Structures are given as C-alpha cells and as structure tokens.
Amino acid sequence: MTRWEDDAHQRTQKVTKSQKRSSRGNPPFYEVFGERYYVLNTSSNYIERGIASWYGKKFHGKPTSSGEIYDMHAMTAAHKTLPLPTDVRVTNLRNGKSIVVRVNDRGPFVDNRIIDLSFSAARKLDMISTGTTFVEVETFMGNATKAPLLADSASRPTVTKVAVSMANPISSAVAESSMDTTVIRLYLQVGAFGDRLNAQKLQQQLNSHGIANVVIRYDQSREPALYRVRLGPITNVAEYDSLVKRVGGIHIKDTHLVTETVERGTTDLSASGMRGLSGG
C-alpha cells in the first residue's frame, strides 16, 4: 500500500485518541435520497481513497449533523459513515499536502465523493479553485508519524502489465508527488481475482464495451496473490466519474480509487519501474 510522508508540524500535532460519540448524528443507519447508509461501529483502521469536495458560505453558521455549528474557517469535514466525531488525516493525492480534520457532519451525498471538507481545510489542501481532488482519508489516532511514501525493495510487489491499450499518452495522466524522483498514478480498480483467467475475462468484457486502458496487475503482497484489474491512469475527476458510470452500466459496482508509485519518466509500468502498489 502506498503511504504518505507528512510535514513536520503534522507529525507533532496531537489529537485525542478516543472521543465520545456525539448524541446526535450517530444512528445505526439513516437514509438520504432513497439510499441507506450504515454508521460504522468504530473508526479504527479506516482508510479509503476517493474524491473530496468542500462546502463553505452556504452552510456557515448552520447546525451540523452532530449538533455543532458549522464554521467554514475551522478544520472540519463531513463523512457519510464514520462515527461523529472522528479525527482523520486527509492527503491530497495530487500534491502530497496533508491535514488533520475533525469529522462532525454527514455528507457529501453526491456520487463518487467520500468526504466534504470545510473551506479552511480545502484551502490548506490547495483545492479551492478545482472544487474537488483525489484524496486518501485515514483515521488519525494522534501524534503518529506516517510511514514513508515508498516501500523498501524487499517488500515491493511484482507488477505485470498485460494487454494495455492507451488512448492518451501515459505521461499526461500523472499526479506528481512532492518527491523529485517519483510520480503517483491513479487508477480505478474494478476487480481482484486469484485466477489470472478470471482477470483476463473481465478485461475482455470491458474491452467489448468500448472501455480501453484496462491493465492487470499481479500483486504478490497478498497471500494468495491477486490479479488486480484496473482502468487508467486517470487524468482528472471528470474522467474518474465517467469511468465509474460506464462500468456501473455493465453492473460493476464494487470499484475504488487506487494509486501506483512509479519512477519519474517511466513510460512502461513494468516490474522494474514500479515502486508501490496500493490495493483493496
């Protein structure tokens, strides 16, 4: 799994390790727009990648789901299923910037969005102008140093590229890290199989529906090893939304954003070029 190295001030920031659940905003489940959401029993070991959005003046001064008043200048966020309150670290996968926010509200109730950040939080991640960005959200237990971005060579998974069709130059679909020698590429994972033939069948199914840029990654970091089917690399949020909609149209619903760390200048994602593989 790709990990992120934070700034020094984040490494020393202390957040309460255990917080009392709010008396509001934590039902076993709730429904919005006809969809049911189940509140997690615990936030321990939570980690997810996806798209973040932000909300500001329209909601400033109004009650949140927890009963607290929303302050667009505070470091807070809304999440659909994490217990309220929960402290999480949010990392912008486009620029490596990382913050800690307190989840005290519910949302965002928009397709493919996993967290809604306050104005102040979004500004620190440098995403105000774009409105959305790719992020990693992880439970923050307080004063914890994140693991290095790159895994050491001993634990590096073997990655195999199979029948890749690229509609766009691969260099245009890069999310650059803060390190000089690597880049982070983003993919939509649509399946993971223990049998290579099943992975290839899914690849062929996607190709038959006009979906290109399908790659298969052989991941030996799991036991048993898995063949991961991914689409990408993904250039932007609009492309991600489009891909999710297209694969949903052929009844593939269990998808999620993943990252791959490669050497800068790599044009072929071969085993020698890969430095990290995130999975799920």
C-alpha atoms as a PDB file:
ATOM      1  CA  MET A   1       0.000   0.000   0.000  1.00  0.00           C
ATOM      2  CA  THR A   2       1.311   3.424  -0.879  1.00  0.00           C
ATOM      3  CA  ARG A   3       1.846   5.574   2.209  1.00  0.00           C
ATOM      4  CA  TRP A   4       2.433   9.273   2.606  1.00  0.00           C
ATOM      5  CA  GLU A   5       5.076  11.193   4.492  1.00  0.00           C
ATOM      6  CA  ASP A   6       3.702  14.261   6.261  1.00  0.00           C
ATOM      7  CA  ASP A   7       5.098  17.681   7.138  1.00  0.00           C
ATOM      8  CA  ALA A   8       6.943  18.140  10.416  1.00  0.00           C
ATOM      9  CA  HIS A   9       4.136  20.156  12.022  1.00  0.00           C
ATOM     10  CA  GLN A  10       1.688  17.363  11.237  1.00  0.00           C
ATOM     11  CA  ARG A  11       3.941  14.761  12.836  1.00  0.00           C
ATOM     12  CA  THR A  12       3.817  16.587  16.151  1.00  0.00           C
ATOM     13  CA  GLN A  13       0.143  17.514  16.091  1.00  0.00           C
ATOM     14  CA  LYS A  14      -1.760  15.827  18.912  1.00  0.00           C
ATOM     15  CA  VAL A  15      -5.377  14.770  18.596  1.00  0.00           C
ATOM     16  CA  THR A  16      -7.454  12.977  21.205  1.00  0.00           C
ATOM     17  CA  LYS A  17      -7.108   9.233  20.714  1.00  0.00           C
ATOM     18  CA  SER A  18     -10.579   8.367  21.928  1.00  0.00           C
ATOM     19  CA  GLN A  19     -13.576  10.631  21.571  1.00  0.00           C
ATOM     20  CA  LYS A  20     -17.026  10.252  22.999  1.00  0.00           C
ATOM     21  CA  ARG A  21     -19.609   9.712  20.290  1.00  0.00           C
ATOM     22  CA  SER A  22     -21.943  12.605  19.692  1.00  0.00           C
ATOM     23  CA  SER A  23     -25.512  12.208  20.948  1.00  0.00           C
ATOM     24  CA  ARG A  24     -26.649  13.316  17.504  1.00  0.00           C
ATOM     25  CA  GLY A  25     -25.709  12.085  14.054  1.00  0.00           C
ATOM     26  CA  ASN A  26     -24.857   8.507  15.028  1.00  0.00           C
ATOM     27  CA  PRO A  27     -27.927   6.347  14.376  1.00  0.00           C
ATOM     28  CA  PRO A  28     -27.357   2.714  13.330  1.00  0.00           C
ATOM     29  CA  PHE A  29     -28.399   3.795   9.840  1.00  0.00           C
ATOM     30  CA  TYR A  30     -30.119   6.644   8.013  1.00  0.00           C
ATOM     31  CA  GLU A  31     -31.498   7.343   4.529  1.00  0.00           C
ATOM     32  CA  VAL A  32     -30.856  10.214   2.133  1.00  0.00           C
ATOM     33  CA  PHE A  33     -32.294  10.432  -1.392  1.00  0.00           C
ATOM     34  CA  GLY A  34     -33.558   6.868  -1.056  1.00  0.00           C
ATOM     35  CA  GLU A  35     -30.175   5.369  -0.194  1.00  0.00           C
ATOM     36  CA  ARG A  36     -29.417   3.821   3.192  1.00  0.00           C
ATOM     37  CA  TYR A  37     -26.122   4.480   4.970  1.00  0.00           C
ATOM     38  CA  TYR A  38     -24.859   2.448   7.942  1.00  0.00           C
ATOM     39  CA  VAL A  39     -22.788   4.283  10.541  1.00  0.00           C
ATOM     40  CA  LEU A  40     -19.587   2.409  11.399  1.00  0.00           C
ATOM     41  CA  ASN A  41     -19.263   0.994  14.899  1.00  0.00           C
ATOM     42  CA  THR A  42     -15.669   2.205  15.050  1.00  0.00           C
ATOM     43  CA  SER A  43     -13.297   4.357  13.051  1.00  0.00           C
ATOM     44  CA  SER A  44     -10.278   2.169  13.849  1.00  0.00           C
ATOM     45  CA  ASN A  45      -8.137   1.198  10.845  1.00  0.00           C
ATOM     46  CA  TYR A  46     -10.342   3.143   8.438  1.00  0.00           C
ATOM     47  CA  ILE A  47      -8.603   4.103   5.204  1.00  0.00           C
ATOM     48  CA  GLU A  48     -10.124   4.990   1.840  1.00  0.00           C
ATOM     49  CA  ARG A  49      -9.167   6.740  -1.368  1.00  0.00           C
ATOM     50  CA  GLY A  50     -11.568   8.719  -3.492  1.00  0.00           C
ATOM     51  CA  ILE A  51     -12.724  12.236  -4.296  1.00  0.00           C
ATOM     52  CA  ALA A  52     -13.058  15.093  -1.810  1.00  0.00           C
ATOM     53  CA  SER A  53     -15.239  18.159  -2.241  1.00  0.00           C
ATOM     54  CA  TRP A  54     -15.705  21.191   0.031  1.00  0.00           C
ATOM     55  CA  TYR A  55     -18.522  23.344   1.387  1.00  0.00           C
ATOM     56  CA  GLY A  56     -18.484  26.940   2.574  1.00  0.00           C
ATOM     57  CA  LYS A  57     -20.582  30.079   2.978  1.00  0.00           C
ATOM     58  CA  LYS A  58     -23.953  28.498   2.204  1.00  0.00           C
ATOM     59  CA  PHE A  59     -23.712  26.355   5.345  1.00  0.00           C
ATOM     60  CA  HIS A  60     -21.626  28.663   7.562  1.00  0.00           C
ATOM     61  CA  GLY A  61     -23.294  29.200  10.937  1.00  0.00           C
ATOM     62  CA  LYS A  62     -25.816  26.381  10.469  1.00  0.00           C
ATOM     63  CA  PRO A  63     -26.052  23.220  12.613  1.00  0.00           C
ATOM     64  CA  THR A  64     -24.151  20.129  11.509  1.00  0.00           C
ATOM     65  CA  SER A  65     -25.447  16.589  11.919  1.00  0.00           C
ATOM     66  CA  SER A  66     -23.643  16.336  15.269  1.00  0.00           C
ATOM     67  CA  GLY A  67     -25.354  19.470  16.531  1.00  0.00           C
ATOM     68  CA  GLU A  68     -22.227  21.609  16.355  1.00  0.00           C
ATOM     69  CA  ILE A  69     -22.409  24.841  14.370  1.00  0.00           C
ATOM     70  CA  TYR A  70     -20.585  24.681  11.082  1.00  0.00           C
ATOM     71  CA  ASP A  71     -17.624  27.044  10.906  1.00  0.00           C
ATOM     72  CA  MET A  72     -16.141  27.269   7.439  1.00  0.00           C
ATOM     73  CA  HIS A  73     -12.886  28.537   8.968  1.00  0.00           C
ATOM     74  CA  ALA A  74     -12.433  25.508  11.257  1.00  0.00           C
ATOM     75  CA  MET A  75     -10.670  22.274  10.304  1.00  0.00           C
ATOM     76  CA  THR A  76     -13.716  20.026   9.991  1.00  0.00           C
ATOM     77  CA  ALA A  77     -15.359  17.703   7.486  1.00  0.00           C
ATOM     78  CA  ALA A  78     -18.475  15.718   6.635  1.00  0.00           C
ATOM     79  CA  HIS A  79     -18.492  11.960   6.055  1.00  0.00           C
ATOM     80  CA  LYS A  80     -21.341   9.559   5.374  1.00  0.00           C
ATOM     81  CA  THR A  81     -20.486   6.682   7.721  1.00  0.00           C
ATOM     82  CA  LEU A  82     -17.655   7.485  10.163  1.00  0.00           C
ATOM     83  CA  PRO A  83     -18.730   7.942  13.796  1.00  0.00           C
ATOM     84  CA  LEU A  84     -19.152  11.566  14.856  1.00  0.00           C
ATOM     85  CA  PRO A  85     -16.713  12.913  15.850  1.00  0.00           C
ATOM     86  CA  THR A  86     -13.691  11.233  14.272  1.00  0.00           C
ATOM     87  CA  ASP A  87     -10.285  12.730  13.531  1.00  0.00           C
ATOM     88  CA  VAL A  88      -8.916  11.817  10.104  1.00  0.00           C
ATOM     89  CA  ARG A  89      -5.865  12.648   8.086  1.00  0.00           C
ATOM     90  CA  VAL A  90      -6.686  13.779   4.552  1.00  0.00           C
ATOM     91  CA  THR A  91      -3.938  13.730   1.930  1.00  0.00           C
ATOM     92  CA  ASN A  92      -4.274  15.361  -1.457  1.00  0.00           C
ATOM     93  CA  LEU A  93      -3.020  12.732  -3.899  1.00  0.00           C
ATOM     94  CA  ARG A  94      -2.310  15.432  -6.460  1.00  0.00           C
ATOM     95  CA  ASN A  95       0.246  17.373  -4.436  1.00  0.00           C
ATOM     96  CA  GLY A  96       1.020  15.347  -1.299  1.00  0.00           C
ATOM     97  CA  LYS A  97      -0.317  18.009   1.080  1.00  0.00           C
ATOM     98  CA  SER A  98      -1.765  16.530   4.257  1.00  0.00           C
ATOM     99  CA  ILE A  99      -4.046  17.858   7.013  1.00  0.00           C
ATOM    100  CA  VAL A 100      -5.966  16.566  10.034  1.00  0.00           C
ATOM    101  CA  VAL A 101      -9.673  17.390  10.319  1.00  0.00           C
ATOM    102  CA  ARG A 102     -12.479  16.580  12.736  1.00  0.00           C
ATOM    103  CA  VAL A 103     -15.466  14.852  11.117  1.00  0.00           C
ATOM    104  CA  ASN A 104     -18.584  16.356  12.723  1.00  0.00           C
ATOM    105  CA  ASP A 105     -21.143  16.304   9.911  1.00  0.00           C
ATOM    106  CA  ARG A 106     -22.819  13.965   7.410  1.00  0.00           C
ATOM    107  CA  GLY A 107     -22.269  14.077   3.661  1.00  0.00           C
ATOM    108  CA  PRO A 108     -21.404  14.551   0.886  1.00  0.00           C
ATOM    109  CA  PHE A 109     -24.454  12.973  -0.756  1.00  0.00           C
ATOM    110  CA  VAL A 110     -23.060  13.195  -4.273  1.00  0.00           C
ATOM    111  CA  ASP A 111     -21.957  10.207  -6.347  1.00  0.00           C
ATOM    112  CA  ASN A 112     -18.295   9.194  -6.011  1.00  0.00           C
ATOM    113  CA  ARG A 113     -17.487  11.705  -3.249  1.00  0.00           C
ATOM    114  CA  ILE A 114     -16.131  10.302   0.027  1.00  0.00           C
ATOM    115  CA  ILE A 115     -15.571  13.429   2.148  1.00  0.00           C
ATOM    116  CA  ASP A 116     -16.714  17.065   2.219  1.00  0.00           C
ATOM    117  CA  LEU A 117     -14.131  19.443   3.667  1.00  0.00           C
ATOM    118  CA  SER A 118     -14.583  22.833   5.279  1.00  0.00           C
ATOM    119  CA  PHE A 119     -13.377  25.879   3.358  1.00  0.00           C
ATOM    120  CA  SER A 120     -10.302  26.208   5.562  1.00  0.00           C
ATOM    121  CA  ALA A 121      -9.382  22.529   5.178  1.00  0.00           C
ATOM    122  CA  ALA A 122      -9.831  22.678   1.402  1.00  0.00           C
ATOM    123  CA  ARG A 123      -7.653  25.784   1.207  1.00  0.00           C
ATOM    124  CA  LYS A 124      -4.811  24.027   3.046  1.00  0.00           C
ATOM    125  CA  LEU A 125      -5.014  21.174   0.523  1.00  0.00           C
ATOM    126  CA  ASP A 126      -4.943  23.701  -2.336  1.00  0.00           C
ATOM    127  CA  MET A 127      -8.237  22.523  -3.855  1.00  0.00           C
ATOM    128  CA  ILE A 128     -10.452  25.606  -3.628  1.00  0.00           C
ATOM    129  CA  SER A 129     -10.212  26.506  -7.306  1.00  0.00           C
ATOM    130  CA  THR A 130     -10.796  22.978  -8.607  1.00  0.00           C
ATOM    131  CA  GLY A 131     -13.629  22.215  -6.164  1.00  0.00           C
ATOM    132  CA  THR A 132     -12.642  18.545  -5.957  1.00  0.00           C
ATOM    133  CA  THR A 133      -9.485  16.477  -5.754  1.00  0.00           C
ATOM    134  CA  PHE A 134      -8.310  12.910  -5.265  1.00  0.00           C
ATOM    135  CA  VAL A 135      -7.556  12.150  -1.618  1.00  0.00           C
ATOM    136  CA  GLU A 136      -6.644   9.472   0.874  1.00  0.00           C
ATOM    137  CA  VAL A 137      -8.642   9.564   4.129  1.00  0.00           C
ATOM    138  CA  GLU A 138      -7.259   7.701   7.136  1.00  0.00           C
ATOM    139  CA  THR A 139      -8.142   7.561  10.830  1.00  0.00           C
ATOM    140  CA  PHE A 140      -5.770   9.769  12.817  1.00  0.00           C
ATOM    141  CA  MET A 141      -5.018   8.487  16.315  1.00  0.00           C
ATOM    142  CA  GLY A 142      -2.808  11.349  17.436  1.00  0.00           C
ATOM    143  CA  ASN A 143       0.906  12.165  17.237  1.00  0.00           C
ATOM    144  CA  ALA A 144       1.543   9.306  14.811  1.00  0.00           C
ATOM    145  CA  THR A 145       4.236   9.502  12.164  1.00  0.00           C
ATOM    146  CA  LYS A 146       3.081   8.190   8.829  1.00  0.00           C
ATOM    147  CA  ALA A 147       5.128   5.516   7.088  1.00  0.00           C
ATOM    148  CA  PRO A 148       7.405   6.556   4.204  1.00  0.00           C
ATOM    149  CA  LEU A 149       5.835   7.061   0.799  1.00  0.00           C
ATOM    150  CA  LEU A 150       7.912   4.345  -0.831  1.00  0.00           C
ATOM    151  CA  ALA A 151       8.113   0.774   0.350  1.00  0.00           C
ATOM    152  CA  ASP A 152      11.583  -0.723   0.550  1.00  0.00           C
ATOM    153  CA  SER A 153      12.658  -3.043  -2.227  1.00  0.00           C
ATOM    154  CA  ALA A 154      12.263  -6.178  -0.116  1.00  0.00           C
ATOM    155  CA  SER A 155       8.528  -5.661   0.253  1.00  0.00           C
ATOM    156  CA  ARG A 156       7.908  -4.319  -3.229  1.00  0.00           C
ATOM    157  CA  PRO A 157       5.219  -6.316  -5.071  1.00  0.00           C
ATOM    158  CA  THR A 158       5.779  -7.768  -8.502  1.00  0.00           C
ATOM    159  CA  VAL A 159       3.743  -5.929 -11.097  1.00  0.00           C
ATOM    160  CA  THR A 160       2.940  -7.266 -14.549  1.00  0.00           C
ATOM    161  CA  LYS A 161       1.404  -5.289 -17.376  1.00  0.00           C
ATOM    162  CA  VAL A 162      -0.990  -7.269 -19.579  1.00  0.00           C
ATOM    163  CA  ALA A 163      -2.512  -6.161 -22.900  1.00  0.00           C
ATOM    164  CA  VAL A 164      -2.615  -2.440 -22.149  1.00  0.00           C
ATOM    165  CA  SER A 165      -4.341  -0.141 -24.614  1.00  0.00           C
ATOM    166  CA  MET A 166      -3.623   3.575 -24.097  1.00  0.00           C
ATOM    167  CA  ALA A 167      -5.862   6.144 -25.720  1.00  0.00           C
ATOM    168  CA  ASN A 168      -3.812   9.034 -24.316  1.00  0.00           C
ATOM    169  CA  PRO A 169      -0.079   9.412 -23.705  1.00  0.00           C
ATOM    170  CA  ILE A 170       0.643   7.936 -20.294  1.00  0.00           C
ATOM    171  CA  SER A 171       2.721  10.947 -19.275  1.00  0.00           C
ATOM    172  CA  SER A 172      -0.388  13.158 -19.358  1.00  0.00           C
ATOM    173  CA  ALA A 173      -2.089  11.169 -16.633  1.00  0.00           C
ATOM    174  CA  VAL A 174       0.307  11.749 -13.773  1.00  0.00           C
ATOM    175  CA  ALA A 175      -0.290  13.032 -10.261  1.00  0.00           C
ATOM    176  CA  GLU A 176       3.108  14.297  -9.172  1.00  0.00           C
ATOM    177  CA  SER A 177       4.365  13.604  -5.673  1.00  0.00           C
ATOM    178  CA  SER A 178       6.459  16.005  -3.633  1.00  0.00           C
ATOM    179  CA  MET A 179       9.485  13.784  -4.226  1.00  0.00           C
ATOM    180  CA  ASP A 180      11.809  14.522  -7.143  1.00  0.00           C
ATOM    181  CA  THR A 181      12.159  11.001  -8.492  1.00  0.00           C
ATOM    182  CA  THR A 182       8.637   9.591  -8.380  1.00  0.00           C
ATOM    183  CA  VAL A 183       5.112  10.239  -9.583  1.00  0.00           C
ATOM    184  CA  ILE A 184       1.786   8.931  -8.307  1.00  0.00           C
ATOM    185  CA  ARG A 185      -0.595   7.499 -10.896  1.00  0.00           C
ATOM    186  CA  LEU A 186      -4.277   6.994 -10.188  1.00  0.00           C
ATOM    187  CA  TYR A 187      -6.451   4.074 -11.306  1.00  0.00           C
ATOM    188  CA  LEU A 188      -9.983   2.803 -10.874  1.00  0.00           C
ATOM    189  CA  GLN A 189      -9.848  -0.781  -9.611  1.00  0.00           C
ATOM    190  CA  VAL A 190     -12.779  -2.835 -10.873  1.00  0.00           C
ATOM    191  CA  GLY A 191     -11.874  -6.344  -9.748  1.00  0.00           C
ATOM    192  CA  ALA A 192      -9.348  -8.584  -7.999  1.00  0.00           C
ATOM    193  CA  PHE A 193      -9.006 -12.305  -8.681  1.00  0.00           C
ATOM    194  CA  GLY A 194      -6.905 -15.238  -7.562  1.00  0.00           C
ATOM    195  CA  ASP A 195      -7.133 -16.721 -11.065  1.00  0.00           C
ATOM    196  CA  ARG A 196      -5.488 -14.860 -13.938  1.00  0.00           C
ATOM    197  CA  LEU A 197      -8.060 -16.188 -16.422  1.00  0.00           C
ATOM    198  CA  ASN A 198     -10.882 -14.502 -14.499  1.00  0.00           C
ATOM    199  CA  ALA A 199      -8.989 -11.227 -14.575  1.00  0.00           C
ATOM    200  CA  GLN A 200      -8.497 -11.566 -18.320  1.00  0.00           C
ATOM    201  CA  LYS A 201     -12.200 -12.353 -18.811  1.00  0.00           C
ATOM    202  CA  LEU A 202     -13.108  -9.106 -17.060  1.00  0.00           C
ATOM    203  CA  GLN A 203     -10.569  -7.257 -19.164  1.00  0.00           C
ATOM    204  CA  GLN A 204     -12.144  -8.673 -22.327  1.00  0.00           C
ATOM    205  CA  GLN A 205     -15.625  -7.788 -21.079  1.00  0.00           C
ATOM    206  CA  LEU A 206     -14.572  -4.192 -20.504  1.00  0.00           C
ATOM    207  CA  ASN A 207     -12.885  -4.003 -23.918  1.00  0.00           C
ATOM    208  CA  SER A 208     -16.010  -5.385 -25.600  1.00  0.00           C
ATOM    209  CA  HIS A 209     -17.976  -2.448 -24.148  1.00  0.00           C
ATOM    210  CA  GLY A 210     -15.509   0.059 -25.534  1.00  0.00           C
ATOM    211  CA  ILE A 211     -13.608   0.610 -22.291  1.00  0.00           C
ATOM    212  CA  ALA A 212      -9.890   0.852 -23.011  1.00  0.00           C
ATOM    213  CA  ASN A 213      -6.854   1.463 -20.793  1.00  0.00           C
ATOM    214  CA  VAL A 214      -7.514  -1.806 -18.927  1.00  0.00           C
ATOM    215  CA  VAL A 215      -4.456  -3.147 -17.097  1.00  0.00           C
ATOM    216  CA  ILE A 216      -3.887  -6.223 -14.949  1.00  0.00           C
ATOM    217  CA  ARG A 217      -1.509  -6.007 -12.012  1.00  0.00           C
ATOM    218  CA  TYR A 218      -0.062  -9.132 -10.395  1.00  0.00           C
ATOM    219  CA  ASP A 219       0.149  -8.409  -6.662  1.00  0.00           C
ATOM    220  CA  GLN A 220       2.240 -10.815  -4.583  1.00  0.00           C
ATOM    221  CA  SER A 221       1.937  -8.735  -1.406  1.00  0.00           C
ATOM    222  CA  ARG A 222      -1.203 -10.716  -0.538  1.00  0.00           C
ATOM    223  CA  GLU A 223      -1.487 -14.426   0.213  1.00  0.00           C
ATOM    224  CA  PRO A 224      -2.721 -15.853  -2.036  1.00  0.00           C
ATOM    225  CA  ALA A 225      -1.506 -13.453  -4.732  1.00  0.00           C
ATOM    226  CA  LEU A 226      -4.110 -11.460  -6.652  1.00  0.00           C
ATOM    227  CA  TYR A 227      -4.586 -10.247 -10.219  1.00  0.00           C
ATOM    228  CA  ARG A 228      -5.978  -6.721  -9.956  1.00  0.00           C
ATOM    229  CA  VAL A 229      -7.939  -5.277 -12.888  1.00  0.00           C
ATOM    230  CA  ARG A 230      -7.608  -1.509 -13.175  1.00  0.00           C
ATOM    231  CA  LEU A 231      -8.556   1.314 -15.522  1.00  0.00           C
ATOM    232  CA  GLY A 232      -6.198   4.181 -16.118  1.00  0.00           C
ATOM    233  CA  PRO A 233      -4.101   6.028 -15.434  1.00  0.00           C
ATOM    234  CA  ILE A 234      -6.799   8.592 -14.638  1.00  0.00           C
ATOM    235  CA  THR A 235      -6.207  12.214 -15.555  1.00  0.00           C
ATOM    236  CA  ASN A 236      -8.878  14.071 -13.583  1.00  0.00           C
ATOM    237  CA  VAL A 237     -12.071  13.850 -11.526  1.00  0.00           C
ATOM    238  CA  ALA A 238     -14.351  14.143 -14.559  1.00  0.00           C
ATOM    239  CA  GLU A 239     -12.663  11.122 -16.160  1.00  0.00           C
ATOM    240  CA  TYR A 240     -12.992   9.167 -12.903  1.00  0.00           C
ATOM    241  CA  ASP A 241     -16.719   9.958 -12.662  1.00  0.00           C
ATOM    242  CA  SER A 242     -17.209   8.923 -16.278  1.00  0.00           C
ATOM    243  CA  LEU A 243     -15.437   5.597 -15.775  1.00  0.00           C
ATOM    244  CA  VAL A 244     -17.453   4.777 -12.643  1.00  0.00           C
ATOM    245  CA  LYS A 245     -20.651   5.481 -14.559  1.00  0.00           C
ATOM    246  CA  ARG A 246     -19.596   3.391 -17.564  1.00  0.00           C
ATOM    247  CA  VAL A 247     -18.602   0.311 -15.562  1.00  0.00           C
ATOM    248  CA  GLY A 248     -21.740   0.707 -13.460  1.00  0.00           C
ATOM    249  CA  GLY A 249     -23.686   0.418 -16.694  1.00  0.00           C
ATOM    250  CA  ILE A 250     -22.378  -3.134 -17.103  1.00  0.00           C
ATOM    251  CA  HIS A 251     -23.180  -3.961 -13.462  1.00  0.00           C
ATOM    252  CA  ILE A 252     -19.716  -3.478 -11.977  1.00  0.00           C
ATOM    253  CA  LYS A 253     -20.429  -1.602  -8.755  1.00  0.00           C
ATOM    254  CA  ASP A 254     -17.594  -2.540  -6.403  1.00  0.00           C
ATOM    255  CA  THR A 255     -14.941  -0.083  -7.564  1.00  0.00           C
ATOM    256  CA  HIS A 256     -12.443   2.140  -5.792  1.00  0.00           C
ATOM    257  CA  LEU A 257      -9.577   4.509  -6.399  1.00  0.00           C
ATOM    258  CA  VAL A 258      -6.038   3.134  -6.080  1.00  0.00           C
ATOM    259  CA  THR A 259      -2.578   4.612  -6.508  1.00  0.00           C
ATOM    260  CA  GLU A 260       0.647   3.364  -8.058  1.00  0.00           C
ATOM    261  CA  THR A 261       4.018   4.966  -7.388  1.00  0.00           C
ATOM    262  CA  VAL A 262       6.483   4.860 -10.273  1.00  0.00           C
ATOM    263  CA  GLU A 263       9.843   6.325 -11.188  1.00  0.00           C
ATOM    264  CA  ARG A 264       9.547   9.703 -12.886  1.00  0.00           C
ATOM    265  CA  GLY A 265       9.851   9.332 -16.650  1.00  0.00           C
ATOM    266  CA  THR A 266       8.617   5.731 -16.651  1.00  0.00           C
ATOM    267  CA  THR A 267       6.603   5.037 -19.799  1.00  0.00           C
ATOM    268  CA  ASP A 268       6.104   1.311 -19.258  1.00  0.00           C
ATOM    269  CA  LEU A 269       4.737   0.186 -15.884  1.00  0.00           C
ATOM    270  CA  SER A 270       6.903  -2.905 -15.693  1.00  0.00           C
ATOM    271  CA  ALA A 271       8.009  -4.650 -12.534  1.00  0.00           C
ATOM    272  CA  SER A 272      11.294  -2.745 -12.559  1.00  0.00           C
ATOM    273  CA  GLY A 273       9.539   0.589 -12.852  1.00  0.00           C
ATOM    274  CA  MET A 274       7.044   0.162 -10.012  1.00  0.00           C
ATOM    275  CA  ARG A 275       7.846   1.481  -6.549  1.00  0.00           C
ATOM    276  CA  GLY A 276       4.496   0.993  -4.832  1.00  0.00           C
ATOM    277  CA  LEU A 277       1.144  -0.665  -5.401  1.00  0.00           C
ATOM    278  CA  SER A 278      -1.972   0.159  -3.448  1.00  0.00           C
ATOM    279  CA  GLY A 279      -4.782  -2.345  -3.341  1.00  0.00           C
ATOM    280  CA  GLY A 280      -8.022  -3.277  -1.771  1.00  0.00           C
END
